[in-house]
Amino acid sequence: MEQLKGTYSIYGENFTKQSKVYINGEKQTTKFLNNTRLDLKESEIKDGDQIMVAQCGSSNTIFRTSKTYEYTGGQLVEVTDQDTDVENGRQAFVEQKEEKKK
């Protein structure tokens, strides 16, 4: 993950120029290198940070997201049991329903 002092790369699959990295829910300046690598040159990542990649459209609309990972001991570990997650690929099209209180 960490390369040169203060720079990081995210490796995966199917990245595009619209792929953006989020750390703890905050969008990062992301440089697209190719469909398997994104670079972060202005980001700081520390233990406990949660990282995910989103496919963004105009006006920062998020169309789909990757799984969320936690940075622990220099590695990304998948975060499980996220009950609030919407099915991948449907975030832009699903309306959230409020539960009725009785």
PDB file of N, CA and C in Angstrom:
ATOM      1  N   MET A   1       0.816  -1.185   0.000  1.00  0.00           N
ATOM      2  CA  MET A   1       0.000   0.000   0.000  1.00  0.00           C
ATOM      3  C   MET A   1       0.868   1.261   0.000  1.00  0.00           C
ATOM      4  N   GLU A   2       1.695   1.501   1.042  1.00  0.00           N
ATOM      5  CA  GLU A   2       2.547   2.689   1.047  1.00  0.00           C
ATOM      6  C   GLU A   2       3.719   2.468   0.116  1.00  0.00           C
ATOM      7  N   GLN A   3       4.085   3.502  -0.638  1.00  0.00           N
ATOM      8  CA  GLN A   3       5.197   3.369  -1.575  1.00  0.00           C
ATOM      9  C   GLN A   3       6.309   4.308  -1.140  1.00  0.00           C
ATOM     10  N   LEU A   4       6.398   5.423  -1.788  1.00  0.00           N
ATOM     11  CA  LEU A   4       7.375   6.420  -1.399  1.00  0.00           C
ATOM     12  C   LEU A   4       6.843   7.167  -0.189  1.00  0.00           C
ATOM     13  N   LYS A   5       7.704   7.841   0.500  1.00  0.00           N
ATOM     14  CA  LYS A   5       7.313   8.570   1.709  1.00  0.00           C
ATOM     15  C   LYS A   5       6.054   9.419   1.466  1.00  0.00           C
ATOM     16  N   GLY A   6       4.994   9.066   2.182  1.00  0.00           N
ATOM     17  CA  GLY A   6       3.768   9.847   2.115  1.00  0.00           C
ATOM     18  C   GLY A   6       2.865   9.583   0.929  1.00  0.00           C
ATOM     19  N   THR A   7       3.158   8.597   0.088  1.00  0.00           N
ATOM     20  CA  THR A   7       2.269   8.288  -1.028  1.00  0.00           C
ATOM     21  C   THR A   7       1.744   6.869  -0.890  1.00  0.00           C
ATOM     22  N   TYR A   8       0.530   6.663  -1.347  1.00  0.00           N
ATOM     23  CA  TYR A   8      -0.112   5.358  -1.255  1.00  0.00           C
ATOM     24  C   TYR A   8      -0.717   4.997  -2.601  1.00  0.00           C
ATOM     25  N   SER A   9      -0.840   3.702  -2.843  1.00  0.00           N
ATOM     26  CA  SER A   9      -1.530   3.196  -4.025  1.00  0.00           C
ATOM     27  C   SER A   9      -2.577   2.190  -3.576  1.00  0.00           C
ATOM     28  N   ILE A  10      -3.727   2.213  -4.221  1.00  0.00           N
ATOM     29  CA  ILE A  10      -4.789   1.249  -3.996  1.00  0.00           C
ATOM     30  C   ILE A  10      -4.824   0.344  -5.223  1.00  0.00           C
ATOM     31  N   TYR A  11      -4.723  -0.959  -4.992  1.00  0.00           N
ATOM     32  CA  TYR A  11      -4.746  -1.930  -6.076  1.00  0.00           C
ATOM     33  C   TYR A  11      -6.068  -2.689  -6.048  1.00  0.00           C
ATOM     34  N   GLY A  12      -6.653  -2.910  -7.210  1.00  0.00           N
ATOM     35  CA  GLY A  12      -7.913  -3.627  -7.304  1.00  0.00           C
ATOM     36  C   GLY A  12      -8.195  -3.980  -8.752  1.00  0.00           C
ATOM     37  N   GLU A  13      -9.480  -3.961  -9.096  1.00  0.00           N
ATOM     38  CA  GLU A  13      -9.907  -4.294 -10.451  1.00  0.00           C
ATOM     39  C   GLU A  13     -10.969  -3.317 -10.912  1.00  0.00           C
ATOM     40  N   ASN A  14     -11.037  -3.129 -12.217  1.00  0.00           N
ATOM     41  CA  ASN A  14     -12.105  -2.359 -12.864  1.00  0.00           C
ATOM     42  C   ASN A  14     -12.158  -0.889 -12.445  1.00  0.00           C
ATOM     43  N   PHE A  15     -11.022  -0.280 -12.082  1.00  0.00           N
ATOM     44  CA  PHE A  15     -11.006   1.143 -11.784  1.00  0.00           C
ATOM     45  C   PHE A  15     -11.172   1.927 -13.084  1.00  0.00           C
ATOM     46  N   THR A  16     -11.750   3.119 -12.967  1.00  0.00           N
ATOM     47  CA  THR A  16     -11.902   4.027 -14.100  1.00  0.00           C
ATOM     48  C   THR A  16     -11.447   5.416 -13.652  1.00  0.00           C
ATOM     49  N   LYS A  17     -11.491   6.369 -14.577  1.00  0.00           N
ATOM     50  CA  LYS A  17     -11.144   7.748 -14.214  1.00  0.00           C
ATOM     51  C   LYS A  17     -12.149   8.331 -13.224  1.00  0.00           C
ATOM     52  N   GLN A  18     -13.306   7.704 -13.105  1.00  0.00           N
ATOM     53  CA  GLN A  18     -14.321   8.175 -12.163  1.00  0.00           C
ATOM     54  C   GLN A  18     -14.212   7.486 -10.799  1.00  0.00           C
ATOM     55  N   SER A  19     -13.217   6.627 -10.613  1.00  0.00           N
ATOM     56  CA  SER A  19     -13.014   5.950  -9.326  1.00  0.00           C
ATOM     57  C   SER A  19     -12.359   6.923  -8.352  1.00  0.00           C
ATOM     58  N   LYS A  20     -12.961   7.079  -7.196  1.00  0.00           N
ATOM     59  CA  LYS A  20     -12.443   7.983  -6.165  1.00  0.00           C
ATOM     60  C   LYS A  20     -12.308   7.218  -4.856  1.00  0.00           C
ATOM     61  N   VAL A  21     -11.231   7.494  -4.133  1.00  0.00           N
ATOM     62  CA  VAL A  21     -10.977   6.843  -2.851  1.00  0.00           C
ATOM     63  C   VAL A  21     -11.540   7.721  -1.736  1.00  0.00           C
ATOM     64  N   TYR A  22     -12.207   7.083  -0.777  1.00  0.00           N
ATOM     65  CA  TYR A  22     -12.727   7.765   0.404  1.00  0.00           C
ATOM     66  C   TYR A  22     -12.039   7.179   1.635  1.00  0.00           C
ATOM     67  N   ILE A  23     -11.543   8.042   2.512  1.00  0.00           N
ATOM     68  CA  ILE A  23     -10.963   7.624   3.788  1.00  0.00           C
ATOM     69  C   ILE A  23     -11.840   8.202   4.882  1.00  0.00           C
ATOM     70  N   ASN A  24     -12.400   7.318   5.706  1.00  0.00           N
ATOM     71  CA  ASN A  24     -13.321   7.719   6.778  1.00  0.00           C
ATOM     72  C   ASN A  24     -14.454   8.598   6.245  1.00  0.00           C
ATOM     73  N   GLY A  25     -14.950   8.263   5.045  1.00  0.00           N
ATOM     74  CA  GLY A  25     -16.069   8.985   4.451  1.00  0.00           C
ATOM     75  C   GLY A  25     -15.697  10.275   3.754  1.00  0.00           C
ATOM     76  N   GLU A  26     -14.412  10.638   3.745  1.00  0.00           N
ATOM     77  CA  GLU A  26     -13.971  11.881   3.119  1.00  0.00           C
ATOM     78  C   GLU A  26     -13.285  11.596   1.782  1.00  0.00           C
ATOM     79  N   LYS A  27     -13.785  12.234   0.728  1.00  0.00           N
ATOM     80  CA  LYS A  27     -13.247  12.025  -0.614  1.00  0.00           C
ATOM     81  C   LYS A  27     -11.812  12.538  -0.681  1.00  0.00           C
ATOM     82  N   GLN A  28     -10.938  11.730  -1.277  1.00  0.00           N
ATOM     83  CA  GLN A  28      -9.519  12.060  -1.402  1.00  0.00           C
ATOM     84  C   GLN A  28      -9.180  12.466  -2.825  1.00  0.00           C
ATOM     85  N   THR A  29      -8.097  13.220  -2.981  1.00  0.00           N
ATOM     86  CA  THR A  29      -7.577  13.509  -4.307  1.00  0.00           C
ATOM     87  C   THR A  29      -6.986  12.212  -4.837  1.00  0.00           C
ATOM     88  N   THR A  30      -7.594  11.680  -5.893  1.00  0.00           N
ATOM     89  CA  THR A  30      -7.250  10.356  -6.412  1.00  0.00           C
ATOM     90  C   THR A  30      -6.733  10.479  -7.832  1.00  0.00           C
ATOM     91  N   LYS A  31      -5.594   9.848  -8.100  1.00  0.00           N
ATOM     92  CA  LYS A  31      -5.043   9.837  -9.456  1.00  0.00           C
ATOM     93  C   LYS A  31      -5.234   8.446 -10.044  1.00  0.00           C
ATOM     94  N   PHE A  32      -5.958   8.376 -11.169  1.00  0.00           N
ATOM     95  CA  PHE A  32      -6.179   7.126 -11.889  1.00  0.00           C
ATOM     96  C   PHE A  32      -4.936   6.812 -12.707  1.00  0.00           C
ATOM     97  N   LEU A  33      -4.334   5.643 -12.479  1.00  0.00           N
ATOM     98  CA  LEU A  33      -3.191   5.219 -13.284  1.00  0.00           C
ATOM     99  C   LEU A  33      -3.606   4.212 -14.337  1.00  0.00           C
ATOM    100  N   ASN A  34      -4.384   3.206 -13.928  1.00  0.00           N
ATOM    101  CA  ASN A  34      -4.912   2.220 -14.870  1.00  0.00           C
ATOM    102  C   ASN A  34      -6.054   1.477 -14.183  1.00  0.00           C
ATOM    103  N   ASN A  35      -6.599   0.469 -14.838  1.00  0.00           N
ATOM    104  CA  ASN A  35      -7.790  -0.196 -14.296  1.00  0.00           C
ATOM    105  C   ASN A  35      -7.508  -1.030 -13.043  1.00  0.00           C
ATOM    106  N   THR A  36      -6.244  -1.104 -12.605  1.00  0.00           N
ATOM    107  CA  THR A  36      -5.933  -1.862 -11.391  1.00  0.00           C
ATOM    108  C   THR A  36      -5.218  -1.032 -10.323  1.00  0.00           C
ATOM    109  N   ARG A  37      -4.974   0.272 -10.578  1.00  0.00           N
ATOM    110  CA  ARG A  37      -4.211   1.071  -9.607  1.00  0.00           C
ATOM    111  C   ARG A  37      -4.672   2.524  -9.547  1.00  0.00           C
ATOM    112  N   LEU A  38      -4.901   2.984  -8.312  1.00  0.00           N
ATOM    113  CA  LEU A  38      -5.201   4.383  -8.021  1.00  0.00           C
ATOM    114  C   LEU A  38      -4.133   4.899  -7.059  1.00  0.00           C
ATOM    115  N   ASP A  39      -3.649   6.127  -7.272  1.00  0.00           N
ATOM    116  CA  ASP A  39      -2.637   6.709  -6.395  1.00  0.00           C
ATOM    117  C   ASP A  39      -3.230   7.811  -5.534  1.00  0.00           C
ATOM    118  N   LEU A  40      -2.726   7.881  -4.305  1.00  0.00           N
ATOM    119  CA  LEU A  40      -3.085   8.935  -3.354  1.00  0.00           C
ATOM    120  C   LEU A  40      -1.785   9.622  -2.960  1.00  0.00           C
ATOM    121  N   LYS A  41      -1.599  10.857  -3.372  1.00  0.00           N
ATOM    122  CA  LYS A  41      -0.349  11.554  -3.057  1.00  0.00           C
ATOM    123  C   LYS A  41      -0.510  12.563  -1.931  1.00  0.00           C
ATOM    124  N   GLU A  42      -1.730  12.946  -1.632  1.00  0.00           N
ATOM    125  CA  GLU A  42      -1.958  13.977  -0.623  1.00  0.00           C
ATOM    126  C   GLU A  42      -2.689  13.423   0.597  1.00  0.00           C
ATOM    127  N   SER A  43      -2.752  12.117   0.734  1.00  0.00           N
ATOM    128  CA  SER A  43      -3.524  11.500   1.814  1.00  0.00           C
ATOM    129  C   SER A  43      -2.603  10.920   2.876  1.00  0.00           C
ATOM    130  N   GLU A  44      -3.130  10.888   4.080  1.00  0.00           N
ATOM    131  CA  GLU A  44      -2.433  10.229   5.176  1.00  0.00           C
ATOM    132  C   GLU A  44      -3.344   9.101   5.662  1.00  0.00           C
ATOM    133  N   ILE A  45      -2.791   7.917   5.776  1.00  0.00           N
ATOM    134  CA  ILE A  45      -3.563   6.768   6.223  1.00  0.00           C
ATOM    135  C   ILE A  45      -2.915   6.233   7.493  1.00  0.00           C
ATOM    136  N   LYS A  46      -3.746   6.030   8.518  1.00  0.00           N
ATOM    137  CA  LYS A  46      -3.225   5.502   9.778  1.00  0.00           C
ATOM    138  C   LYS A  46      -4.102   4.358  10.257  1.00  0.00           C
ATOM    139  N   ASP A  47      -3.580   3.571  11.204  1.00  0.00           N
ATOM    140  CA  ASP A  47      -4.334   2.436  11.723  1.00  0.00           C
ATOM    141  C   ASP A  47      -5.733   2.865  12.173  1.00  0.00           C
ATOM    142  N   GLY A  48      -6.726   2.071  11.782  1.00  0.00           N
ATOM    143  CA  GLY A  48      -8.113   2.342  12.151  1.00  0.00           C
ATOM    144  C   GLY A  48      -8.894   3.091  11.090  1.00  0.00           C
ATOM    145  N   ASP A  49      -8.203   3.677  10.098  1.00  0.00           N
ATOM    146  CA  ASP A  49      -8.908   4.396   9.036  1.00  0.00           C
ATOM    147  C   ASP A  49      -9.705   3.405   8.184  1.00  0.00           C
ATOM    148  N   GLN A  50     -10.897   3.840   7.748  1.00  0.00           N
ATOM    149  CA  GLN A  50     -11.727   3.016   6.882  1.00  0.00           C
ATOM    150  C   GLN A  50     -11.667   3.567   5.465  1.00  0.00           C
ATOM    151  N   ILE A  51     -11.417   2.667   4.505  1.00  0.00           N
ATOM    152  CA  ILE A  51     -11.159   3.057   3.125  1.00  0.00           C
ATOM    153  C   ILE A  51     -12.103   2.311   2.191  1.00  0.00           C
ATOM    154  N   MET A  52     -12.639   3.038   1.209  1.00  0.00           N
ATOM    155  CA  MET A  52     -13.444   2.406   0.164  1.00  0.00           C
ATOM    156  C   MET A  52     -13.279   3.204  -1.109  1.00  0.00           C
ATOM    157  N   VAL A  53     -13.614   2.581  -2.231  1.00  0.00           N
ATOM    158  CA  VAL A  53     -13.536   3.217  -3.540  1.00  0.00           C
ATOM    159  C   VAL A  53     -14.955   3.349  -4.081  1.00  0.00           C
ATOM    160  N   ALA A  54     -15.261   4.518  -4.654  1.00  0.00           N
ATOM    161  CA  ALA A  54     -16.589   4.759  -5.224  1.00  0.00           C
ATOM    162  C   ALA A  54     -16.452   5.152  -6.689  1.00  0.00           C
ATOM    163  N   GLN A  55     -17.438   4.735  -7.484  1.00  0.00           N
ATOM    164  CA  GLN A  55     -17.559   5.196  -8.863  1.00  0.00           C
ATOM    165  C   GLN A  55     -18.457   6.425  -8.824  1.00  0.00           C
ATOM    166  N   CYS A  56     -17.904   7.575  -9.177  1.00  0.00           N
ATOM    167  CA  CYS A  56     -18.629   8.836  -9.057  1.00  0.00           C
ATOM    168  C   CYS A  56     -19.035   9.379 -10.418  1.00  0.00           C
ATOM    169  N   GLY A  57     -20.163  10.048 -10.440  1.00  0.00           N
ATOM    170  CA  GLY A  57     -20.627  10.733 -11.638  1.00  0.00           C
ATOM    171  C   GLY A  57     -20.524  12.230 -11.429  1.00  0.00           C
ATOM    172  N   SER A  58     -21.242  12.979 -12.235  1.00  0.00           N
ATOM    173  CA  SER A  58     -21.233  14.428 -12.084  1.00  0.00           C
ATOM    174  C   SER A  58     -21.868  14.818 -10.759  1.00  0.00           C
ATOM    175  N   SER A  59     -21.515  15.975 -10.276  1.00  0.00           N
ATOM    176  CA  SER A  59     -22.033  16.493  -9.003  1.00  0.00           C
ATOM    177  C   SER A  59     -21.759  15.547  -7.844  1.00  0.00           C
ATOM    178  N   ASN A  60     -20.656  14.780  -7.934  1.00  0.00           N
ATOM    179  CA  ASN A  60     -20.243  13.852  -6.877  1.00  0.00           C
ATOM    180  C   ASN A  60     -21.277  12.779  -6.559  1.00  0.00           C
ATOM    181  N   THR A  61     -22.130  12.445  -7.509  1.00  0.00           N
ATOM    182  CA  THR A  61     -23.084  11.366  -7.325  1.00  0.00           C
ATOM    183  C   THR A  61     -22.326  10.046  -7.274  1.00  0.00           C
ATOM    184  N   ILE A  62     -22.586   9.243  -6.242  1.00  0.00           N
ATOM    185  CA  ILE A  62     -21.939   7.942  -6.123  1.00  0.00           C
ATOM    186  C   ILE A  62     -22.853   6.884  -6.713  1.00  0.00           C
ATOM    187  N   PHE A  63     -22.356   6.187  -7.742  1.00  0.00           N
ATOM    188  CA  PHE A  63     -23.152   5.167  -8.411  1.00  0.00           C
ATOM    189  C   PHE A  63     -22.967   3.791  -7.789  1.00  0.00           C
ATOM    190  N   ARG A  64     -21.760   3.469  -7.353  1.00  0.00           N
ATOM    191  CA  ARG A  64     -21.522   2.202  -6.682  1.00  0.00           C
ATOM    192  C   ARG A  64     -20.263   2.324  -5.851  1.00  0.00           C
ATOM    193  N   THR A  65     -20.142   1.479  -4.841  1.00  0.00           N
ATOM    194  CA  THR A  65     -18.980   1.513  -3.958  1.00  0.00           C
ATOM    195  C   THR A  65     -18.392   0.116  -3.806  1.00  0.00           C
ATOM    196  N   SER A  66     -17.141   0.098  -3.418  1.00  0.00           N
ATOM    197  CA  SER A  66     -16.490  -1.166  -3.095  1.00  0.00           C
ATOM    198  C   SER A  66     -16.880  -1.555  -1.672  1.00  0.00           C
ATOM    199  N   LYS A  67     -16.391  -2.676  -1.230  1.00  0.00           N
ATOM    200  CA  LYS A  67     -16.506  -3.020   0.176  1.00  0.00           C
ATOM    201  C   LYS A  67     -15.646  -2.032   0.948  1.00  0.00           C
ATOM    202  N   THR A  68     -15.902  -1.909   2.239  1.00  0.00           N
ATOM    203  CA  THR A  68     -15.112  -1.027   3.086  1.00  0.00           C
ATOM    204  C   THR A  68     -14.015  -1.842   3.750  1.00  0.00           C
ATOM    205  N   TYR A  69     -12.841  -1.249   3.819  1.00  0.00           N
ATOM    206  CA  TYR A  69     -11.688  -1.908   4.422  1.00  0.00           C
ATOM    207  C   TYR A  69     -11.124  -1.028   5.520  1.00  0.00           C
ATOM    208  N   GLU A  70     -10.565  -1.662   6.550  1.00  0.00           N
ATOM    209  CA  GLU A  70      -9.901  -0.930   7.620  1.00  0.00           C
ATOM    210  C   GLU A  70      -8.397  -1.141   7.494  1.00  0.00           C
ATOM    211  N   TYR A  71      -7.669  -0.043   7.619  1.00  0.00           N
ATOM    212  CA  TYR A  71      -6.210  -0.094   7.543  1.00  0.00           C
ATOM    213  C   TYR A  71      -5.674  -0.490   8.913  1.00  0.00           C
ATOM    214  N   THR A  72      -5.069  -1.670   8.984  1.00  0.00           N
ATOM    215  CA  THR A  72      -4.571  -2.202  10.251  1.00  0.00           C
ATOM    216  C   THR A  72      -3.203  -2.824  10.022  1.00  0.00           C
ATOM    217  N   GLY A  73      -2.199  -2.317  10.734  1.00  0.00           N
ATOM    218  CA  GLY A  73      -0.859  -2.885  10.641  1.00  0.00           C
ATOM    219  C   GLY A  73      -0.293  -2.902   9.239  1.00  0.00           C
ATOM    220  N   GLY A  74      -0.603  -1.889   8.441  1.00  0.00           N
ATOM    221  CA  GLY A  74      -0.075  -1.798   7.092  1.00  0.00           C
ATOM    222  C   GLY A  74      -0.838  -2.586   6.046  1.00  0.00           C
ATOM    223  N   GLN A  75      -1.985  -3.176   6.437  1.00  0.00           N
ATOM    224  CA  GLN A  75      -2.786  -3.958   5.501  1.00  0.00           C
ATOM    225  C   GLN A  75      -4.241  -3.505   5.545  1.00  0.00           C
ATOM    226  N   LEU A  76      -4.955  -3.781   4.456  1.00  0.00           N
ATOM    227  CA  LEU A  76      -6.386  -3.500   4.406  1.00  0.00           C
ATOM    228  C   LEU A  76      -7.147  -4.770   4.746  1.00  0.00           C
ATOM    229  N   VAL A  77      -8.024  -4.672   5.749  1.00  0.00           N
ATOM    230  CA  VAL A  77      -8.825  -5.804   6.190  1.00  0.00           C
ATOM    231  C   VAL A  77     -10.290  -5.451   5.980  1.00  0.00           C
ATOM    232  N   GLU A  78     -11.041  -6.335   5.324  1.00  0.00           N
ATOM    233  CA  GLU A  78     -12.449  -6.065   5.030  1.00  0.00           C
ATOM    234  C   GLU A  78     -13.257  -5.884   6.303  1.00  0.00           C
ATOM    235  N   VAL A  79     -14.079  -4.826   6.304  1.00  0.00           N
ATOM    236  CA  VAL A  79     -14.994  -4.563   7.417  1.00  0.00           C
ATOM    237  C   VAL A  79     -16.276  -5.324   7.114  1.00  0.00           C
ATOM    238  N   THR A  80     -16.727  -6.137   8.042  1.00  0.00           N
ATOM    239  CA  THR A  80     -17.938  -6.931   7.826  1.00  0.00           C
ATOM    240  C   THR A  80     -19.069  -6.432   8.709  1.00  0.00           C
ATOM    241  N   ASP A  81     -20.269  -6.971   8.491  1.00  0.00           N
ATOM    242  CA  ASP A  81     -21.464  -6.634   9.267  1.00  0.00           C
ATOM    243  C   ASP A  81     -21.832  -5.168   9.173  1.00  0.00           C
ATOM    244  N   GLN A  82     -21.928  -4.658   7.964  1.00  0.00           N
ATOM    245  CA  GLN A  82     -22.392  -3.296   7.759  1.00  0.00           C
ATOM    246  C   GLN A  82     -23.860  -3.341   7.372  1.00  0.00           C
ATOM    247  N   ASP A  83     -24.728  -3.375   8.360  1.00  0.00           N
ATOM    248  CA  ASP A  83     -26.158  -3.518   8.130  1.00  0.00           C
ATOM    249  C   ASP A  83     -26.758  -2.363   7.341  1.00  0.00           C
ATOM    250  N   THR A  84     -26.108  -1.207   7.330  1.00  0.00           N
ATOM    251  CA  THR A  84     -26.671  -0.043   6.658  1.00  0.00           C
ATOM    252  C   THR A  84     -26.301   0.010   5.183  1.00  0.00           C
ATOM    253  N   ASP A  85     -25.454  -0.899   4.716  1.00  0.00           N
ATOM    254  CA  ASP A  85     -25.041  -0.886   3.321  1.00  0.00           C
ATOM    255  C   ASP A  85     -26.200  -1.230   2.397  1.00  0.00           C
ATOM    256  N   VAL A  86     -26.245  -0.536   1.277  1.00  0.00           N
ATOM    257  CA  VAL A  86     -27.195  -0.840   0.217  1.00  0.00           C
ATOM    258  C   VAL A  86     -26.502  -1.817  -0.714  1.00  0.00           C
ATOM    259  N   GLU A  87     -27.272  -2.684  -1.343  1.00  0.00           N
ATOM    260  CA  GLU A  87     -26.694  -3.648  -2.282  1.00  0.00           C
ATOM    261  C   GLU A  87     -25.794  -2.937  -3.282  1.00  0.00           C
ATOM    262  N   ASN A  88     -24.591  -3.454  -3.478  1.00  0.00           N
ATOM    263  CA  ASN A  88     -23.601  -2.837  -4.346  1.00  0.00           C
ATOM    264  C   ASN A  88     -24.168  -2.590  -5.744  1.00  0.00           C
ATOM    265  N   GLY A  89     -23.903  -1.394  -6.267  1.00  0.00           N
ATOM    266  CA  GLY A  89     -24.348  -1.048  -7.611  1.00  0.00           C
ATOM    267  C   GLY A  89     -25.728  -0.427  -7.669  1.00  0.00           C
ATOM    268  N   ARG A  90     -26.405  -0.298  -6.520  1.00  0.00           N
ATOM    269  CA  ARG A  90     -27.760   0.219  -6.541  1.00  0.00           C
ATOM    270  C   ARG A  90     -27.910   1.504  -5.738  1.00  0.00           C
ATOM    271  N   GLN A  91     -26.828   2.039  -5.188  1.00  0.00           N
ATOM    272  CA  GLN A  91     -26.908   3.213  -4.327  1.00  0.00           C
ATOM    273  C   GLN A  91     -27.606   4.400  -4.995  1.00  0.00           C
ATOM    274  N   ALA A  92     -27.389   4.585  -6.278  1.00  0.00           N
ATOM    275  CA  ALA A  92     -27.959   5.741  -6.960  1.00  0.00           C
ATOM    276  C   ALA A  92     -29.446   5.567  -7.264  1.00  0.00           C
ATOM    277  N   PHE A  93     -29.961   4.356  -7.104  1.00  0.00           N
ATOM    278  CA  PHE A  93     -31.322   4.082  -7.551  1.00  0.00           C
ATOM    279  C   PHE A  93     -32.263   3.612  -6.449  1.00  0.00           C
ATOM    280  N   VAL A  94     -31.773   3.457  -5.243  1.00  0.00           N
ATOM    281  CA  VAL A  94     -32.581   2.921  -4.157  1.00  0.00           C
ATOM    282  C   VAL A  94     -33.006   4.048  -3.230  1.00  0.00           C
ATOM    283  N   GLU A  95     -34.282   4.106  -2.910  1.00  0.00           N
ATOM    284  CA  GLU A  95     -34.778   5.077  -1.943  1.00  0.00           C
ATOM    285  C   GLU A  95     -34.746   4.441  -0.563  1.00  0.00           C
ATOM    286  N   GLN A  96     -34.343   5.218   0.426  1.00  0.00           N
ATOM    287  CA  GLN A  96     -34.320   4.718   1.793  1.00  0.00           C
ATOM    288  C   GLN A  96     -35.712   4.907   2.387  1.00  0.00           C
ATOM    289  N   LYS A  97     -36.231   3.875   3.049  1.00  0.00           N
ATOM    290  CA  LYS A  97     -37.551   3.937   3.655  1.00  0.00           C
ATOM    291  C   LYS A  97     -37.394   4.141   5.157  1.00  0.00           C
ATOM    292  N   GLU A  98     -38.211   5.019   5.714  1.00  0.00           N
ATOM    293  CA  GLU A  98     -38.181   5.231   7.152  1.00  0.00           C
ATOM    294  C   GLU A  98     -39.094   4.213   7.826  1.00  0.00           C
ATOM    295  N   GLU A  99     -38.631   3.725   8.970  1.00  0.00           N
ATOM    296  CA  GLU A  99     -39.463   2.794   9.727  1.00  0.00           C
ATOM    297  C   GLU A  99     -40.518   3.583  10.471  1.00  0.00           C
ATOM    298  N   LYS A 100     -41.740   3.048  10.494  1.00  0.00           N
ATOM    299  CA  LYS A 100     -42.828   3.696  11.213  1.00  0.00           C
ATOM    300  C   LYS A 100     -42.780   3.283  12.677  1.00  0.00           C
ATOM    301  N   LYS A 101     -42.889   4.272  13.557  1.00  0.00           N
ATOM    302  CA  LYS A 101     -42.904   3.985  14.983  1.00  0.00           C
ATOM    303  C   LYS A 101     -44.330   3.737  15.415  1.00  0.00           C
ATOM    304  N   LYS A 102     -44.508   2.711  16.242  1.00  0.00           N
ATOM    305  CA  LYS A 102     -45.860   2.394  16.724  1.00  0.00           C
ATOM    306  C   LYS A 102     -46.053   2.905  18.115  1.00  0.00           C
TER     307      LYS A 102
END
